[in-house]
């Protein structure tokens, strides 16, 4: 275990190495070129808060993933986030980042209580919902890890029965999923008095959404263990993790450096909610340097050292939630993120569930050709058959006063229901 001073020196060296790498690239920002001249890592700590904050739009406009791969002859993979703001973020992970992402996934699993060989029930979205088939490599990897994927976009009683069937056959298991999906299953188990042998679920953690204490308590009532909070995203993999119930979310240092900043960009004080900026000390593809993930958080005084923030005490990110269609079906709103990830023509989207039963989708980007619109509608029909969809191409989607794009809206009744 490194001392605080050793941690500070190690992290400074890693950050300076990243700045020098990206500062030497042809697509470097001027501020990176300037900071790359720094010789003393300690000097970087003083200059760091003045470096530019990277945004999703900057990645799209100045650092397009495909150009990074081709221009710099990098080995790796182009991928995209689910786009929880309605803006799927495309990025490039080099080979080192791909390996680190796998390592972070395994490391956090083990620290939370999973053990190699233990089956994991994953309540997530099914690729079949958007008309895609999972490749043989992904299926082989899931089989090797004993991962059991359950479709969570369309939630009903059969979903719960399938989850319990796997748990009974494979216990003890780990249980992982979108928070709202885990809550749906737990609530059904509690309300219907379903029973499992004690210890059937060894550990559970969430992903993709906020976790609230009442959701964790409900899950513990149903399965005997709380939901632990694992915070991450496709861009940076696991970022901070709660390794014990009620504990803070430990930042995955030194792979990542986390900052909490005010609206003016200056560092927030302990206990003060601010924007989360993340820097990868590993990725050499997309420049994740002071990357604004558009989530909010806070840290407690004990978790701030001379080497920065070690843990987050609070997250105030986005909640995708569930929505009940007029015919009674329940879907997870993150379904739309994964669907639009397949259509790079769409820069922003907003889905409005109308009182009439129709779904109106406002789209910003390059309008679909006839064939692409036909493909979109056929993919959506896998889950939304019988629901009228109206597509509107617009110049921009209205945002909140905090400049947030609300991706899914339910039209209220005249009485405000």
Protein backbone atom coordinates (compact mmCIF):
# COMPACT_ATOMS: atom_id res chain seq x y z
CA UNK A 1 0.00 0.00 0.00
CA UNK A 2 1.51 3.31 -1.10
CA UNK A 3 1.69 6.21 1.33
CA UNK A 4 -0.36 9.33 0.47
CA UNK A 5 2.78 11.07 -0.82
CA UNK A 6 3.73 8.06 -2.94
CA UNK A 7 0.19 7.95 -4.31
CA UNK A 8 0.45 11.63 -5.21
CA UNK A 9 3.74 11.12 -7.02
CA UNK A 10 2.54 7.99 -8.83
CA UNK A 11 -0.68 9.61 -10.01
CA UNK A 12 1.16 12.76 -11.11
CA UNK A 13 3.54 10.68 -13.21
CA UNK A 14 0.64 8.85 -14.82
CA UNK A 15 -1.24 12.06 -15.60
CA UNK A 16 1.87 13.72 -17.01
CA UNK A 17 2.49 10.69 -19.22
CA UNK A 18 -1.05 11.04 -20.62
CA UNK A 19 -0.63 14.77 -21.23
CA UNK A 20 2.68 14.19 -23.00
CA UNK A 21 1.15 11.47 -25.16
CA UNK A 22 -1.90 13.45 -26.23
CA UNK A 23 0.06 16.71 -26.36
CA UNK A 24 2.34 15.17 -28.98
CA UNK A 25 -0.50 13.97 -31.20
CA UNK A 26 -1.49 15.90 -34.30
CA UNK A 27 -5.00 16.50 -32.92
CA UNK A 28 -3.75 17.94 -29.61
CA UNK A 29 -5.40 20.95 -28.00
CA UNK A 30 -3.00 23.90 -27.49
CA UNK A 31 -3.31 23.61 -23.72
CA UNK A 32 -2.13 19.99 -23.85
CA UNK A 33 0.90 20.95 -25.92
CA UNK A 34 1.79 23.58 -23.35
CA UNK A 35 1.28 21.26 -20.37
CA UNK A 36 3.34 18.55 -22.08
CA UNK A 37 6.41 20.76 -21.58
CA UNK A 38 6.13 20.40 -17.79
CA UNK A 39 9.10 18.51 -16.36
CA UNK A 40 8.18 18.32 -12.67
CA UNK A 41 5.07 16.17 -12.06
CA UNK A 42 4.25 18.34 -9.02
CA UNK A 43 3.92 21.34 -11.32
CA UNK A 44 1.19 19.49 -13.19
CA UNK A 45 -0.99 19.52 -10.07
CA UNK A 46 -1.00 23.31 -10.19
CA UNK A 47 -1.72 23.48 -13.92
CA UNK A 48 -4.28 20.68 -14.01
CA UNK A 49 -7.45 22.64 -13.00
CA UNK A 50 -6.88 25.04 -15.91
CA UNK A 51 -6.78 22.34 -18.59
CA UNK A 52 -9.83 22.10 -20.89
CA UNK A 53 -12.82 20.02 -19.86
CA UNK A 54 -13.65 17.41 -22.48
CA UNK A 55 -17.30 16.98 -23.49
CA UNK A 56 -19.29 14.51 -25.54
CA UNK A 57 -19.68 17.12 -28.26
CA UNK A 58 -15.91 17.66 -28.43
CA UNK A 59 -15.42 13.94 -28.95
CA UNK A 60 -17.98 14.04 -31.74
CA UNK A 61 -16.67 17.14 -33.50
CA UNK A 62 -12.91 17.18 -32.86
CA UNK A 63 -11.97 13.62 -31.89
CA UNK A 64 -14.17 11.27 -33.96
CA UNK A 65 -13.41 7.68 -33.05
CA UNK A 66 -12.97 6.36 -36.60
CA UNK A 67 -10.50 9.11 -37.47
CA UNK A 68 -8.44 8.42 -34.33
CA UNK A 69 -8.03 4.78 -35.27
CA UNK A 70 -7.14 5.45 -38.90
CA UNK A 71 -5.03 8.56 -38.38
CA UNK A 72 -2.81 7.18 -35.63
CA UNK A 73 -2.79 3.50 -36.75
CA UNK A 74 -3.99 2.24 -33.38
CA UNK A 75 -5.09 -1.27 -32.53
CA UNK A 76 -8.29 -1.44 -30.53
CA UNK A 77 -12.02 -1.04 -30.89
CA UNK A 78 -14.57 1.63 -31.74
CA UNK A 79 -17.57 1.53 -29.44
CA UNK A 80 -20.41 3.73 -28.21
CA UNK A 81 -22.13 4.49 -24.96
CA UNK A 82 -25.83 3.87 -24.49
CA UNK A 83 -26.26 7.63 -24.43
CA UNK A 84 -28.25 8.18 -21.26
CA UNK A 85 -28.72 11.83 -22.22
CA UNK A 86 -29.98 10.84 -25.64
CA UNK A 87 -26.52 11.47 -27.12
CA UNK A 88 -24.64 8.19 -27.75
CA UNK A 89 -20.93 8.91 -27.37
CA UNK A 90 -18.62 7.17 -29.84
CA UNK A 91 -15.08 6.53 -28.70
CA UNK A 92 -11.98 4.49 -29.44
CA UNK A 93 -10.36 2.17 -26.91
CA UNK A 94 -6.80 1.10 -27.63
CA UNK A 95 -5.64 -2.39 -26.66
CA UNK A 96 -4.37 -1.28 -23.25
CA UNK A 97 -7.72 0.27 -22.40
CA UNK A 98 -9.61 -2.83 -23.52
CA UNK A 99 -7.50 -4.97 -21.20
CA UNK A 100 -7.89 -2.52 -18.33
CA UNK A 101 -11.68 -2.52 -18.76
CA UNK A 102 -11.80 -6.30 -18.44
CA UNK A 103 -9.51 -6.16 -15.41
CA UNK A 104 -11.66 -3.47 -13.74
CA UNK A 105 -14.76 -5.59 -14.27
CA UNK A 106 -13.18 -8.67 -12.67
CA UNK A 107 -11.51 -6.68 -9.87
CA UNK A 108 -14.74 -5.01 -8.76
CA UNK A 109 -16.69 -8.27 -8.95
CA UNK A 110 -14.20 -10.02 -6.69
CA UNK A 111 -13.99 -7.13 -4.20
CA UNK A 112 -17.79 -7.14 -3.86
CA UNK A 113 -17.96 -10.88 -3.14
CA UNK A 114 -18.14 -12.72 -6.46
CA UNK A 115 -15.75 -15.64 -6.88
CA UNK A 116 -14.50 -17.30 -10.09
CA UNK A 117 -16.88 -20.07 -11.06
CA UNK A 118 -19.88 -18.41 -9.39
CA UNK A 119 -22.80 -17.96 -11.78
CA UNK A 120 -23.96 -14.40 -12.40
CA UNK A 121 -27.55 -13.54 -13.29
CA UNK A 122 -27.52 -10.41 -15.45
CA UNK A 123 -30.84 -8.59 -15.77
CA UNK A 124 -30.05 -6.32 -18.67
CA UNK A 125 -31.25 -5.47 -22.14
CA UNK A 126 -31.44 -8.16 -24.74
CA UNK A 127 -29.79 -7.50 -28.10
CA UNK A 128 -32.80 -9.26 -29.64
CA UNK A 129 -34.92 -6.26 -28.67
CA UNK A 130 -33.21 -4.18 -31.34
CA UNK A 131 -33.06 -6.96 -33.90
CA UNK A 132 -29.43 -7.92 -33.37
CA UNK A 133 -27.93 -11.31 -32.67
CA UNK A 134 -25.20 -11.77 -30.09
CA UNK A 135 -21.94 -12.95 -31.69
CA UNK A 136 -20.42 -16.33 -30.93
CA UNK A 137 -17.44 -14.77 -29.14
CA UNK A 138 -19.75 -12.94 -26.72
CA UNK A 139 -21.79 -16.12 -26.17
CA UNK A 140 -18.62 -18.15 -25.55
CA UNK A 141 -17.31 -15.55 -23.10
CA UNK A 142 -20.62 -15.53 -21.22
CA UNK A 143 -20.60 -19.32 -21.01
CA UNK A 144 -17.01 -19.32 -19.72
CA UNK A 145 -17.85 -16.78 -17.01
CA UNK A 146 -21.18 -18.51 -16.29
CA UNK A 147 -23.10 -15.32 -17.04
CA UNK A 148 -26.85 -15.83 -17.51
CA UNK A 149 -28.43 -12.94 -19.40
CA UNK A 150 -32.12 -12.22 -18.82
CA UNK A 151 -33.99 -9.74 -21.04
CA UNK A 152 -34.91 -6.77 -18.87
CA UNK A 153 -36.26 -4.29 -21.41
CA UNK A 154 -39.69 -5.90 -21.35
CA UNK A 155 -40.44 -6.71 -17.71
CA UNK A 156 -43.29 -8.97 -16.66
CA UNK A 157 -44.04 -11.94 -14.41
CA UNK A 158 -42.25 -14.29 -16.81
CA UNK A 159 -39.08 -12.23 -16.33
CA UNK A 160 -39.22 -12.81 -12.58
CA UNK A 161 -39.91 -16.52 -13.02
CA UNK A 162 -36.93 -16.86 -15.35
CA UNK A 163 -34.64 -15.10 -12.85
CA UNK A 164 -35.78 -17.34 -9.99
CA UNK A 165 -35.41 -20.44 -12.18
CA UNK A 166 -31.75 -19.62 -12.86
CA UNK A 167 -31.05 -18.78 -9.21
CA UNK A 168 -32.54 -22.08 -8.00
CA UNK A 169 -30.51 -24.06 -10.54
CA UNK A 170 -27.18 -22.25 -10.11
CA UNK A 171 -27.14 -21.03 -6.50
CA UNK A 172 -25.29 -19.40 -4.93
CA UNK A 173 -25.20 -16.68 -7.57
CA UNK A 174 -24.24 -13.07 -8.07
CA UNK A 175 -27.03 -10.82 -9.35
CA UNK A 176 -26.39 -7.79 -11.51
CA UNK A 177 -28.63 -5.44 -13.48
CA UNK A 178 -30.11 -2.01 -14.09
CA UNK A 179 -31.35 -0.71 -10.74
CA UNK A 180 -34.97 -0.30 -11.80
CA UNK A 181 -35.01 -3.85 -13.17
CA UNK A 182 -33.61 -5.29 -9.95
CA UNK A 183 -36.22 -3.29 -8.04
CA UNK A 184 -39.02 -4.65 -10.26
CA UNK A 185 -37.98 -8.26 -9.58
CA UNK A 186 -37.49 -7.66 -5.85
CA UNK A 187 -40.87 -5.97 -5.50
CA UNK A 188 -42.61 -8.85 -7.26
CA UNK A 189 -40.85 -11.41 -5.07
CA UNK A 190 -41.85 -9.57 -1.88
CA UNK A 191 -45.43 -8.80 -2.88
CA UNK A 192 -46.15 -12.34 -4.08
CA UNK A 193 -44.36 -14.05 -1.19
CA UNK A 194 -41.95 -15.97 -3.40
CA UNK A 195 -39.26 -17.88 -1.52
CA UNK A 196 -35.70 -19.01 -2.22
CA UNK A 197 -33.36 -21.07 -0.01
CA UNK A 198 -31.20 -18.89 2.23
CA UNK A 199 -27.92 -17.79 0.68
CA UNK A 200 -29.13 -18.29 -2.89
CA UNK A 201 -27.91 -14.82 -3.83
CA UNK A 202 -24.40 -14.16 -2.51
CA UNK A 203 -23.91 -10.61 -3.79
CA UNK A 204 -25.76 -8.08 -5.97
CA UNK A 205 -24.75 -4.89 -7.68
CA UNK A 206 -26.33 -2.40 -10.03
CA UNK A 207 -25.32 -0.64 -13.21
CA UNK A 208 -26.55 2.00 -15.62
CA UNK A 209 -28.77 3.91 -13.18
CA UNK A 210 -28.83 5.63 -9.82
CA UNK A 211 -29.22 3.48 -6.71
CA UNK A 212 -31.38 4.73 -3.85
CA UNK A 213 -31.30 3.29 -0.30
CA UNK A 214 -34.92 2.16 -0.44
CA UNK A 215 -34.19 0.11 -3.55
CA UNK A 216 -31.29 -1.63 -1.85
CA UNK A 217 -33.40 -2.33 1.26
CA UNK A 218 -36.23 -3.77 -0.84
CA UNK A 219 -33.80 -6.06 -2.65
CA UNK A 220 -32.32 -7.23 0.66
CA UNK A 221 -35.83 -8.02 1.88
CA UNK A 222 -36.38 -10.18 -1.20
CA UNK A 223 -32.99 -11.87 -1.57
CA UNK A 224 -31.14 -11.46 1.73
CA UNK A 225 -28.40 -9.15 0.43
CA UNK A 226 -28.38 -5.43 -0.40
CA UNK A 227 -27.58 -3.97 -3.80
CA UNK A 228 -24.05 -2.59 -3.91
CA UNK A 229 -23.45 0.45 -6.07
CA UNK A 230 -21.08 -0.04 -9.00
CA UNK A 231 -20.77 3.17 -10.98
CA UNK A 232 -19.34 3.15 -14.46
CA UNK A 233 -19.94 3.61 -18.13
CA UNK A 234 -18.88 2.16 -21.42
CA UNK A 235 -16.42 4.97 -22.02
CA UNK A 236 -14.39 4.29 -18.86
CA UNK A 237 -15.64 0.88 -17.64
CA UNK A 238 -16.03 0.62 -13.84
CA UNK A 239 -15.24 4.00 -12.28
CA UNK A 240 -16.17 3.82 -8.59
CA UNK A 241 -17.53 0.96 -6.55
CA UNK A 242 -19.22 0.40 -3.19
CA UNK A 243 -17.50 -2.66 -1.75
CA UNK A 244 -19.71 -2.86 1.32
CA UNK A 245 -23.27 -1.79 2.05
CA UNK A 246 -23.48 1.80 3.21
CA UNK A 247 -19.87 2.52 2.33
CA UNK A 248 -18.54 5.15 -0.07
CA UNK A 249 -17.86 4.44 -3.73
CA UNK A 250 -14.13 3.87 -4.01
CA UNK A 251 -12.61 5.50 -7.10
CA UNK A 252 -10.66 2.98 -9.17
CA UNK A 253 -7.30 4.65 -8.74
CA UNK A 254 -4.72 4.86 -10.21
CA UNK A 255 -6.51 3.83 -13.42
CA UNK A 256 -8.78 6.85 -13.02
CA UNK A 257 -8.50 10.34 -11.60
CA UNK A 258 -11.75 11.95 -10.43
CA UNK A 259 -12.58 15.62 -9.88
CA UNK A 260 -15.74 17.29 -8.53
CA UNK A 261 -16.09 20.83 -9.85
CA UNK A 262 -18.54 23.70 -9.50
CA UNK A 263 -20.33 25.31 -12.41
CA UNK A 264 -17.46 27.77 -12.79
CA UNK A 265 -15.04 24.88 -13.19
CA UNK A 266 -13.23 25.35 -9.88
CA UNK A 267 -12.85 22.46 -7.42
CA UNK A 268 -15.87 21.79 -5.21
CA UNK A 269 -15.49 21.63 -1.44
CA UNK A 270 -16.11 18.44 0.55
CA UNK A 271 -19.85 17.79 0.78
CA UNK A 272 -20.61 20.15 -2.10
CA UNK A 273 -22.37 18.62 -5.09
CA UNK A 274 -20.62 19.27 -8.39
CA UNK A 275 -19.96 17.93 -11.86
CA UNK A 276 -17.85 14.79 -12.11
CA UNK A 277 -14.77 14.98 -14.34
CA UNK A 278 -12.87 11.78 -15.07
CA UNK A 279 -9.41 11.20 -16.50
CA UNK A 280 -8.16 7.82 -17.69
CA UNK A 281 -4.48 7.23 -16.98
CA UNK A 282 -4.51 4.31 -19.43
CA UNK A 283 -6.52 5.03 -22.60
CA UNK A 284 -4.37 6.20 -25.53
CA UNK A 285 -7.20 6.32 -28.07
CA UNK A 286 -9.96 8.81 -27.27
CA UNK A 287 -8.51 11.49 -24.96
CA UNK A 288 -10.46 10.99 -21.74
CA UNK A 289 -8.79 13.97 -20.05
CA UNK A 290 -11.04 15.81 -17.57
CA UNK A 291 -14.03 14.19 -19.28
CA UNK A 292 -17.41 15.56 -18.17
CA UNK A 293 -19.67 12.51 -17.98
CA UNK A 294 -22.62 14.82 -17.18
CA UNK A 295 -23.23 13.26 -13.78
CA UNK A 296 -23.16 14.96 -10.40
CA UNK A 297 -21.58 13.80 -7.18
CA UNK A 298 -19.92 14.76 -3.91
CA UNK A 299 -17.16 13.52 -1.62
CA UNK A 300 -16.67 13.56 2.15
CA UNK A 301 -13.68 15.23 3.89
CA UNK A 302 -11.87 11.94 4.72
CA UNK A 303 -11.78 11.06 1.03
CA UNK A 304 -9.78 14.06 -0.17
CA UNK A 305 -5.98 13.72 -0.03
CA UNK A 306 -3.07 15.55 -1.62
CA UNK A 307 -3.48 13.07 -4.47
CA UNK A 308 -7.11 14.00 -5.05
CA UNK A 309 -10.44 12.29 -4.38
CA UNK A 310 -10.28 8.66 -3.30
CA UNK A 311 -14.01 7.97 -2.92
CA UNK A 312 -17.43 9.47 -3.65
CA UNK A 313 -19.99 9.78 -0.87
CA UNK A 314 -22.88 10.65 -3.17
CA UNK A 315 -23.96 10.28 -6.77
CA UNK A 316 -26.65 12.36 -8.39
CA UNK A 317 -26.64 10.95 -11.87
CA UNK A 318 -29.58 10.16 -14.11
CA UNK A 319 -32.32 7.64 -13.53
CA UNK A 320 -33.66 5.84 -16.56
CA UNK A 321 -36.58 4.14 -14.84
CA UNK A 322 -39.42 2.08 -16.21
CA UNK A 323 -42.42 2.96 -18.30
CA UNK A 324 -45.72 1.13 -18.66
CA UNK A 325 -47.13 1.14 -22.17
CA UNK A 326 -50.87 1.63 -22.74
CA UNK A 327 -51.36 -2.11 -23.29
CA UNK A 328 -49.83 -2.88 -19.88
CA UNK A 329 -46.35 -3.90 -20.99
CA UNK A 330 -43.43 -2.50 -18.97
CA UNK A 331 -40.19 -1.46 -20.66
CA UNK A 332 -37.00 0.16 -19.40
CA UNK A 333 -36.35 3.61 -20.82
CA UNK A 334 -32.70 2.72 -21.51
CA UNK A 335 -34.06 0.60 -24.35
CA UNK A 336 -34.03 3.76 -26.48
CA UNK A 337 -30.36 4.44 -25.78
CA UNK A 338 -29.33 1.03 -27.01
CA UNK A 339 -31.60 1.24 -30.04
CA UNK A 340 -30.28 4.63 -31.21
CA UNK A 341 -26.72 3.51 -30.64
CA UNK A 342 -27.21 1.54 -33.87
CA UNK A 343 -28.07 4.69 -35.85
CA UNK A 344 -25.12 7.14 -36.00
CA UNK A 345 -27.30 9.54 -38.04
CA UNK A 346 -29.01 10.49 -34.76
CA UNK A 347 -27.09 12.98 -32.64
CA UNK A 348 -29.84 13.64 -30.05
CA UNK A 349 -33.25 12.18 -29.42
CA UNK A 350 -36.24 12.67 -27.19
CA UNK A 351 -39.07 10.18 -26.76
CA UNK A 352 -42.50 11.38 -25.67
CA UNK A 353 -45.18 8.91 -24.61
CA UNK A 354 -48.43 10.63 -25.62
CA UNK A 355 -51.73 10.19 -23.81
CA UNK A 356 -53.20 8.90 -27.06
CA UNK A 357 -50.92 5.83 -26.87
CA UNK A 358 -48.67 7.05 -29.67
CA UNK A 359 -44.91 7.49 -29.18
CA UNK A 360 -43.44 10.67 -30.67
CA UNK A 361 -39.69 10.73 -31.23
CA UNK A 362 -37.87 13.99 -31.94
CA UNK A 363 -34.55 13.44 -33.71
CA UNK A 364 -31.60 15.74 -34.36
CA UNK A 365 -29.11 14.75 -37.03
CA UNK A 366 -29.16 13.50 -40.60
CA UNK A 367 -32.66 12.35 -41.62
CA UNK A 368 -33.03 8.66 -42.39
CA UNK A 369 -33.18 7.43 -45.93
CA UNK A 370 -36.25 5.36 -46.72
CA UNK A 371 -34.30 2.15 -46.18
CA UNK A 372 -32.82 3.32 -42.88
CA UNK A 373 -36.19 4.39 -41.55
CA UNK A 374 -37.60 1.03 -42.55
CA UNK A 375 -34.73 -0.67 -40.69
CA UNK A 376 -35.34 1.49 -37.61
CA UNK A 377 -39.04 0.67 -37.53
CA UNK A 378 -38.42 -3.04 -38.01
CA UNK A 379 -35.91 -3.08 -35.14
CA UNK A 380 -38.26 -1.13 -32.87
CA UNK A 381 -41.08 -3.53 -33.73
CA UNK A 382 -39.24 -6.33 -31.91
CA UNK A 383 -40.40 -4.75 -28.66
CA UNK A 384 -43.00 -2.17 -29.67
CA UNK A 385 -45.19 -4.04 -32.11
CA UNK A 386 -48.62 -2.40 -32.29
CA UNK A 387 -47.46 0.94 -30.79
CA UNK A 388 -47.67 3.84 -33.32
CA UNK A 389 -44.33 5.64 -33.75
CA UNK A 390 -44.10 9.17 -35.11
CA UNK A 391 -40.64 10.41 -36.12
CA UNK A 392 -39.94 14.15 -36.22
CA UNK A 393 -36.62 15.58 -37.43
CA UNK A 394 -35.97 18.86 -35.62
CA UNK A 395 -33.19 21.44 -35.33
CA UNK A 396 -32.81 20.93 -31.58
CA UNK A 397 -34.49 19.22 -28.66
CA UNK A 398 -35.56 21.46 -25.74
CA UNK A 399 -33.39 21.16 -22.65
CA UNK A 400 -33.89 21.86 -18.98
CA UNK A 401 -32.67 25.02 -17.28
CA UNK A 402 -29.56 23.03 -16.32
CA UNK A 403 -28.98 22.35 -20.06
CA UNK A 404 -29.80 18.68 -19.60
CA UNK A 405 -31.56 16.76 -22.32
CA UNK A 406 -34.39 14.66 -20.88
CA UNK A 407 -34.50 11.65 -23.15
CA UNK A 408 -37.88 10.16 -22.19
CA UNK A 409 -40.98 12.15 -21.28
CA UNK A 410 -44.49 11.11 -20.39
CA UNK A 411 -47.19 13.52 -21.54
CA UNK A 412 -49.25 14.47 -18.51
CA UNK A 413 -53.01 14.64 -18.48
CA UNK A 414 -54.77 17.99 -18.25
CA UNK A 415 -55.22 17.29 -14.53
CA UNK A 416 -51.46 16.76 -14.16
CA UNK A 417 -51.59 12.98 -13.63
